[in-house]
Amino acid sequence: MKTDTVTANGQPVSTQLPCTLEAFLVAQGLLPRSVVVEHNGEAVAPSEFARRQLQTGDRLEIVKIVAGG
């Protein structure tokens, strides 16, 4: 593994690559079940987080799910 960069919500983020999307979210302090993720323009189902591999230069859009009323 080496430290490299992915772009999350328009900001460069250094991370150990390759890694899974789930591992990336946990490293960023996010609960995988509390976010919606788009990976390189493709929506990713939460059931895919543990299998989806991130590579250098990937782009993520991460939106936190907020419950309440």
PDB file of N, CA and C in Angstrom:
ATOM      1  N   MET A   1       0.837  -1.186   0.000  1.00  0.00           N
ATOM      2  CA  MET A   1       0.000   0.000   0.000  1.00  0.00           C
ATOM      3  C   MET A   1       0.880   1.246   0.000  1.00  0.00           C
ATOM      4  N   LYS A   2       0.358   2.286  -0.639  1.00  0.00           N
ATOM      5  CA  LYS A   2       1.064   3.548  -0.614  1.00  0.00           C
ATOM      6  C   LYS A   2       0.061   4.658  -0.394  1.00  0.00           C
ATOM      7  N   THR A   3       0.547   5.785   0.106  1.00  0.00           N
ATOM      8  CA  THR A   3      -0.323   6.924   0.310  1.00  0.00           C
ATOM      9  C   THR A   3      -0.502   7.631  -1.017  1.00  0.00           C
ATOM     10  N   ASP A   4      -1.751   7.879  -1.365  1.00  0.00           N
ATOM     11  CA  ASP A   4      -2.063   8.561  -2.608  1.00  0.00           C
ATOM     12  C   ASP A   4      -3.293   9.428  -2.387  1.00  0.00           C
ATOM     13  N   THR A   5      -3.823   9.975  -3.459  1.00  0.00           N
ATOM     14  CA  THR A   5      -4.907  10.937  -3.319  1.00  0.00           C
ATOM     15  C   THR A   5      -6.140  10.545  -4.126  1.00  0.00           C
ATOM     16  N   VAL A   6      -7.301  10.709  -3.488  1.00  0.00           N
ATOM     17  CA  VAL A   6      -8.580  10.664  -4.178  1.00  0.00           C
ATOM     18  C   VAL A   6      -9.241  12.016  -3.915  1.00  0.00           C
ATOM     19  N   THR A   7     -10.242  12.343  -4.697  1.00  0.00           N
ATOM     20  CA  THR A   7     -10.963  13.599  -4.505  1.00  0.00           C
ATOM     21  C   THR A   7     -12.321  13.282  -3.903  1.00  0.00           C
ATOM     22  N   ALA A   8     -12.598  13.864  -2.744  1.00  0.00           N
ATOM     23  CA  ALA A   8     -13.873  13.653  -2.067  1.00  0.00           C
ATOM     24  C   ALA A   8     -14.562  15.005  -1.903  1.00  0.00           C
ATOM     25  N   ASN A   9     -15.735  15.125  -2.493  1.00  0.00           N
ATOM     26  CA  ASN A   9     -16.498  16.376  -2.445  1.00  0.00           C
ATOM     27  C   ASN A   9     -15.656  17.560  -2.900  1.00  0.00           C
ATOM     28  N   GLY A  10     -14.861  17.344  -3.951  1.00  0.00           N
ATOM     29  CA  GLY A  10     -14.072  18.414  -4.545  1.00  0.00           C
ATOM     30  C   GLY A  10     -12.749  18.709  -3.858  1.00  0.00           C
ATOM     31  N   GLN A  11     -12.434  17.986  -2.781  1.00  0.00           N
ATOM     32  CA  GLN A  11     -11.204  18.230  -2.030  1.00  0.00           C
ATOM     33  C   GLN A  11     -10.279  17.019  -2.115  1.00  0.00           C
ATOM     34  N   PRO A  12      -8.972  17.256  -2.331  1.00  0.00           N
ATOM     35  CA  PRO A  12      -8.036  16.123  -2.331  1.00  0.00           C
ATOM     36  C   PRO A  12      -7.897  15.536  -0.923  1.00  0.00           C
ATOM     37  N   VAL A  13      -7.920  14.218  -0.846  1.00  0.00           N
ATOM     38  CA  VAL A  13      -7.789  13.520   0.438  1.00  0.00           C
ATOM     39  C   VAL A  13      -6.709  12.453   0.282  1.00  0.00           C
ATOM     40  N   SER A  14      -5.691  12.512   1.151  1.00  0.00           N
ATOM     41  CA  SER A  14      -4.643  11.496   1.136  1.00  0.00           C
ATOM     42  C   SER A  14      -5.148  10.255   1.847  1.00  0.00           C
ATOM     43  N   THR A  15      -4.871   9.101   1.264  1.00  0.00           N
ATOM     44  CA  THR A  15      -5.317   7.836   1.851  1.00  0.00           C
ATOM     45  C   THR A  15      -4.396   6.719   1.392  1.00  0.00           C
ATOM     46  N   GLN A  16      -4.469   5.593   2.072  1.00  0.00           N
ATOM     47  CA  GLN A  16      -3.697   4.415   1.677  1.00  0.00           C
ATOM     48  C   GLN A  16      -4.440   3.710   0.549  1.00  0.00           C
ATOM     49  N   LEU A  17      -3.806   3.579  -0.602  1.00  0.00           N
ATOM     50  CA  LEU A  17      -4.430   2.916  -1.750  1.00  0.00           C
ATOM     51  C   LEU A  17      -3.622   1.714  -2.173  1.00  0.00           C
ATOM     52  N   PRO A  18      -4.224   0.685  -2.725  1.00  0.00           N
ATOM     53  CA  PRO A  18      -5.672   0.560  -2.912  1.00  0.00           C
ATOM     54  C   PRO A  18      -6.366   0.244  -1.595  1.00  0.00           C
ATOM     55  N   CYS A  19      -7.617   0.655  -1.491  1.00  0.00           N
ATOM     56  CA  CYS A  19      -8.442   0.312  -0.330  1.00  0.00           C
ATOM     57  C   CYS A  19      -9.883   0.246  -0.794  1.00  0.00           C
ATOM     58  N   THR A  20     -10.732  -0.302   0.053  1.00  0.00           N
ATOM     59  CA  THR A  20     -12.147  -0.358  -0.299  1.00  0.00           C
ATOM     60  C   THR A  20     -12.805   0.966   0.046  1.00  0.00           C
ATOM     61  N   LEU A  21     -13.932   1.208  -0.570  1.00  0.00           N
ATOM     62  CA  LEU A  21     -14.710   2.400  -0.264  1.00  0.00           C
ATOM     63  C   LEU A  21     -15.097   2.396   1.210  1.00  0.00           C
ATOM     64  N   GLU A  22     -15.479   1.226   1.725  1.00  0.00           N
ATOM     65  CA  GLU A  22     -15.842   1.123   3.140  1.00  0.00           C
ATOM     66  C   GLU A  22     -14.685   1.525   4.047  1.00  0.00           C
ATOM     67  N   ALA A  23     -13.477   1.033   3.771  1.00  0.00           N
ATOM     68  CA  ALA A  23     -12.308   1.383   4.592  1.00  0.00           C
ATOM     69  C   ALA A  23     -12.021   2.878   4.507  1.00  0.00           C
ATOM     70  N   PHE A  24     -12.184   3.475   3.333  1.00  0.00           N
ATOM     71  CA  PHE A  24     -11.972   4.915   3.168  1.00  0.00           C
ATOM     72  C   PHE A  24     -12.964   5.699   4.027  1.00  0.00           C
ATOM     73  N   LEU A  25     -14.236   5.322   3.971  1.00  0.00           N
ATOM     74  CA  LEU A  25     -15.251   6.027   4.758  1.00  0.00           C
ATOM     75  C   LEU A  25     -14.946   5.952   6.252  1.00  0.00           C
ATOM     76  N   VAL A  26     -14.605   4.762   6.727  1.00  0.00           N
ATOM     77  CA  VAL A  26     -14.281   4.585   8.151  1.00  0.00           C
ATOM     78  C   VAL A  26     -13.071   5.437   8.529  1.00  0.00           C
ATOM     79  N   ALA A  27     -12.052   5.475   7.663  1.00  0.00           N
ATOM     80  CA  ALA A  27     -10.853   6.286   7.937  1.00  0.00           C
ATOM     81  C   ALA A  27     -11.184   7.774   8.003  1.00  0.00           C
ATOM     82  N   GLN A  28     -12.248   8.184   7.313  1.00  0.00           N
ATOM     83  CA  GLN A  28     -12.670   9.587   7.344  1.00  0.00           C
ATOM     84  C   GLN A  28     -13.640   9.874   8.487  1.00  0.00           C
ATOM     85  N   GLY A  29     -13.895   8.873   9.331  1.00  0.00           N
ATOM     86  CA  GLY A  29     -14.787   9.056  10.476  1.00  0.00           C
ATOM     87  C   GLY A  29     -16.261   9.029  10.112  1.00  0.00           C
ATOM     88  N   LEU A  30     -16.579   8.391   8.978  1.00  0.00           N
ATOM     89  CA  LEU A  30     -17.968   8.305   8.534  1.00  0.00           C
ATOM     90  C   LEU A  30     -18.483   6.877   8.692  1.00  0.00           C
ATOM     91  N   LEU A  31     -19.712   6.750   9.162  1.00  0.00           N
ATOM     92  CA  LEU A  31     -20.332   5.441   9.239  1.00  0.00           C
ATOM     93  C   LEU A  31     -20.851   5.091   7.857  1.00  0.00           C
ATOM     94  N   PRO A  32     -20.402   3.974   7.281  1.00  0.00           N
ATOM     95  CA  PRO A  32     -20.820   3.621   5.927  1.00  0.00           C
ATOM     96  C   PRO A  32     -22.331   3.594   5.721  1.00  0.00           C
ATOM     97  N   ARG A  33     -23.095   3.241   6.730  1.00  0.00           N
ATOM     98  CA  ARG A  33     -24.554   3.169   6.586  1.00  0.00           C
ATOM     99  C   ARG A  33     -25.221   4.541   6.729  1.00  0.00           C
ATOM    100  N   SER A  34     -24.429   5.597   6.985  1.00  0.00           N
ATOM    101  CA  SER A  34     -25.028   6.922   7.176  1.00  0.00           C
ATOM    102  C   SER A  34     -24.722   7.870   6.014  1.00  0.00           C
ATOM    103  N   VAL A  35     -24.237   7.313   4.898  1.00  0.00           N
ATOM    104  CA  VAL A  35     -23.883   8.159   3.760  1.00  0.00           C
ATOM    105  C   VAL A  35     -24.389   7.569   2.446  1.00  0.00           C
ATOM    106  N   VAL A  36     -24.518   8.452   1.463  1.00  0.00           N
ATOM    107  CA  VAL A  36     -24.788   8.065   0.085  1.00  0.00           C
ATOM    108  C   VAL A  36     -23.545   8.445  -0.691  1.00  0.00           C
ATOM    109  N   VAL A  37     -23.051   7.543  -1.557  1.00  0.00           N
ATOM    110  CA  VAL A  37     -21.782   7.780  -2.243  1.00  0.00           C
ATOM    111  C   VAL A  37     -21.927   7.624  -3.756  1.00  0.00           C
ATOM    112  N   GLU A  38     -21.303   8.558  -4.455  1.00  0.00           N
ATOM    113  CA  GLU A  38     -21.147   8.465  -5.899  1.00  0.00           C
ATOM    114  C   GLU A  38     -19.652   8.311  -6.164  1.00  0.00           C
ATOM    115  N   HIS A  39     -19.281   7.275  -6.908  1.00  0.00           N
ATOM    116  CA  HIS A  39     -17.874   6.958  -7.202  1.00  0.00           C
ATOM    117  C   HIS A  39     -17.655   7.115  -8.695  1.00  0.00           C
ATOM    118  N   ASN A  40     -16.837   8.104  -9.067  1.00  0.00           N
ATOM    119  CA  ASN A  40     -16.575   8.392 -10.483  1.00  0.00           C
ATOM    120  C   ASN A  40     -17.877   8.521 -11.283  1.00  0.00           C
ATOM    121  N   GLY A  41     -18.850   9.218 -10.693  1.00  0.00           N
ATOM    122  CA  GLY A  41     -20.101   9.492 -11.386  1.00  0.00           C
ATOM    123  C   GLY A  41     -21.154   8.411 -11.299  1.00  0.00           C
ATOM    124  N   GLU A  42     -20.864   7.327 -10.592  1.00  0.00           N
ATOM    125  CA  GLU A  42     -21.796   6.196 -10.471  1.00  0.00           C
ATOM    126  C   GLU A  42     -22.244   6.037  -9.021  1.00  0.00           C
ATOM    127  N   ALA A  43     -23.560   6.012  -8.804  1.00  0.00           N
ATOM    128  CA  ALA A  43     -24.082   5.781  -7.460  1.00  0.00           C
ATOM    129  C   ALA A  43     -23.687   4.378  -7.009  1.00  0.00           C
ATOM    130  N   VAL A  44     -23.289   4.265  -5.743  1.00  0.00           N
ATOM    131  CA  VAL A  44     -22.848   2.978  -5.197  1.00  0.00           C
ATOM    132  C   VAL A  44     -23.796   2.555  -4.085  1.00  0.00           C
ATOM    133  N   ALA A  45     -24.342   1.349  -4.195  1.00  0.00           N
ATOM    134  CA  ALA A  45     -25.209   0.809  -3.145  1.00  0.00           C
ATOM    135  C   ALA A  45     -24.362   0.488  -1.912  1.00  0.00           C
ATOM    136  N   PRO A  46     -24.902   0.731  -0.721  1.00  0.00           N
ATOM    137  CA  PRO A  46     -24.137   0.417   0.499  1.00  0.00           C
ATOM    138  C   PRO A  46     -23.634  -1.025   0.540  1.00  0.00           C
ATOM    139  N   SER A  47     -24.358  -1.949  -0.066  1.00  0.00           N
ATOM    140  CA  SER A  47     -23.922  -3.350  -0.072  1.00  0.00           C
ATOM    141  C   SER A  47     -22.649  -3.550  -0.894  1.00  0.00           C
ATOM    142  N   GLU A  48     -22.303  -2.577  -1.724  1.00  0.00           N
ATOM    143  CA  GLU A  48     -21.090  -2.661  -2.559  1.00  0.00           C
ATOM    144  C   GLU A  48     -19.866  -2.001  -1.912  1.00  0.00           C
ATOM    145  N   PHE A  49     -20.049  -1.238  -0.835  1.00  0.00           N
ATOM    146  CA  PHE A  49     -18.947  -0.472  -0.237  1.00  0.00           C
ATOM    147  C   PHE A  49     -17.739  -1.340   0.088  1.00  0.00           C
ATOM    148  N   ALA A  50     -17.970  -2.540   0.630  1.00  0.00           N
ATOM    149  CA  ALA A  50     -16.865  -3.405   1.052  1.00  0.00           C
ATOM    150  C   ALA A  50     -16.129  -4.029  -0.134  1.00  0.00           C
ATOM    151  N   ARG A  51     -16.760  -4.026  -1.313  1.00  0.00           N
ATOM    152  CA  ARG A  51     -16.128  -4.629  -2.489  1.00  0.00           C
ATOM    153  C   ARG A  51     -15.560  -3.607  -3.469  1.00  0.00           C
ATOM    154  N   ARG A  52     -16.023  -2.371  -3.374  1.00  0.00           N
ATOM    155  CA  ARG A  52     -15.605  -1.337  -4.335  1.00  0.00           C
ATOM    156  C   ARG A  52     -14.194  -0.849  -3.988  1.00  0.00           C
ATOM    157  N   GLN A  53     -13.259  -1.033  -4.912  1.00  0.00           N
ATOM    158  CA  GLN A  53     -11.863  -0.628  -4.706  1.00  0.00           C
ATOM    159  C   GLN A  53     -11.638   0.795  -5.203  1.00  0.00           C
ATOM    160  N   LEU A  54     -10.935   1.583  -4.402  1.00  0.00           N
ATOM    161  CA  LEU A  54     -10.560   2.938  -4.809  1.00  0.00           C
ATOM    162  C   LEU A  54      -9.158   2.926  -5.381  1.00  0.00           C
ATOM    163  N   GLN A  55      -8.938   3.760  -6.379  1.00  0.00           N
ATOM    164  CA  GLN A  55      -7.637   3.890  -7.030  1.00  0.00           C
ATOM    165  C   GLN A  55      -7.251   5.364  -7.083  1.00  0.00           C
ATOM    166  N   THR A  56      -5.987   5.625  -7.334  1.00  0.00           N
ATOM    167  CA  THR A  56      -5.480   6.992  -7.449  1.00  0.00           C
ATOM    168  C   THR A  56      -6.321   7.795  -8.438  1.00  0.00           C
ATOM    169  N   GLY A  57      -6.689   9.001  -8.035  1.00  0.00           N
ATOM    170  CA  GLY A  57      -7.416   9.895  -8.925  1.00  0.00           C
ATOM    171  C   GLY A  57      -8.917   9.703  -8.946  1.00  0.00           C
ATOM    172  N   ASP A  58      -9.442   8.717  -8.209  1.00  0.00           N
ATOM    173  CA  ASP A  58     -10.888   8.528  -8.175  1.00  0.00           C
ATOM    174  C   ASP A  58     -11.569   9.754  -7.577  1.00  0.00           C
ATOM    175  N   ARG A  59     -12.813   9.965  -8.007  1.00  0.00           N
ATOM    176  CA  ARG A  59     -13.608  11.087  -7.513  1.00  0.00           C
ATOM    177  C   ARG A  59     -14.822  10.542  -6.767  1.00  0.00           C
ATOM    178  N   LEU A  60     -15.027  11.058  -5.561  1.00  0.00           N
ATOM    179  CA  LEU A  60     -16.159  10.651  -4.737  1.00  0.00           C
ATOM    180  C   LEU A  60     -17.014  11.864  -4.389  1.00  0.00           C
ATOM    181  N   GLU A  61     -18.308  11.655  -4.374  1.00  0.00           N
ATOM    182  CA  GLU A  61     -19.234  12.627  -3.801  1.00  0.00           C
ATOM    183  C   GLU A  61     -19.901  11.884  -2.652  1.00  0.00           C
ATOM    184  N   ILE A  62     -19.780  12.434  -1.449  1.00  0.00           N
ATOM    185  CA  ILE A  62     -20.284  11.779  -0.246  1.00  0.00           C
ATOM    186  C   ILE A  62     -21.289  12.701   0.421  1.00  0.00           C
ATOM    187  N   VAL A  63     -22.496  12.200   0.629  1.00  0.00           N
ATOM    188  CA  VAL A  63     -23.540  12.986   1.264  1.00  0.00           C
ATOM    189  C   VAL A  63     -24.002  12.250   2.508  1.00  0.00           C
ATOM    190  N   LYS A  64     -23.999  12.963   3.649  1.00  0.00           N
ATOM    191  CA  LYS A  64     -24.471  12.358   4.892  1.00  0.00           C
ATOM    192  C   LYS A  64     -25.991  12.330   4.904  1.00  0.00           C
ATOM    193  N   ILE A  65     -26.529  11.224   5.355  1.00  0.00           N
ATOM    194  CA  ILE A  65     -27.970  11.071   5.516  1.00  0.00           C
ATOM    195  C   ILE A  65     -28.348  11.620   6.878  1.00  0.00           C
ATOM    196  N   VAL A  66     -29.315  12.527   6.882  1.00  0.00           N
ATOM    197  CA  VAL A  66     -29.763  13.118   8.143  1.00  0.00           C
ATOM    198  C   VAL A  66     -31.222  12.745   8.362  1.00  0.00           C
ATOM    199  N   ALA A  67     -31.498  12.129   9.508  1.00  0.00           N
ATOM    200  CA  ALA A  67     -32.871  11.767   9.831  1.00  0.00           C
ATOM    201  C   ALA A  67     -33.423  12.768  10.849  1.00  0.00           C
ATOM    202  N   GLY A  68     -34.678  12.916  10.852  1.00  0.00           N
ATOM    203  CA  GLY A  68     -35.295  13.817  11.832  1.00  0.00           C
ATOM    204  C   GLY A  68     -36.511  14.481  11.237  1.00  0.00           C
ATOM    205  N   GLY A  69     -37.058  15.383  12.007  1.00  0.00           N
ATOM    206  CA  GLY A  69     -38.260  16.018  11.478  1.00  0.00           C
ATOM    207  C   GLY A  69     -38.638  17.237  12.225  1.00  0.00           C
TER     208      GLY A  69
END
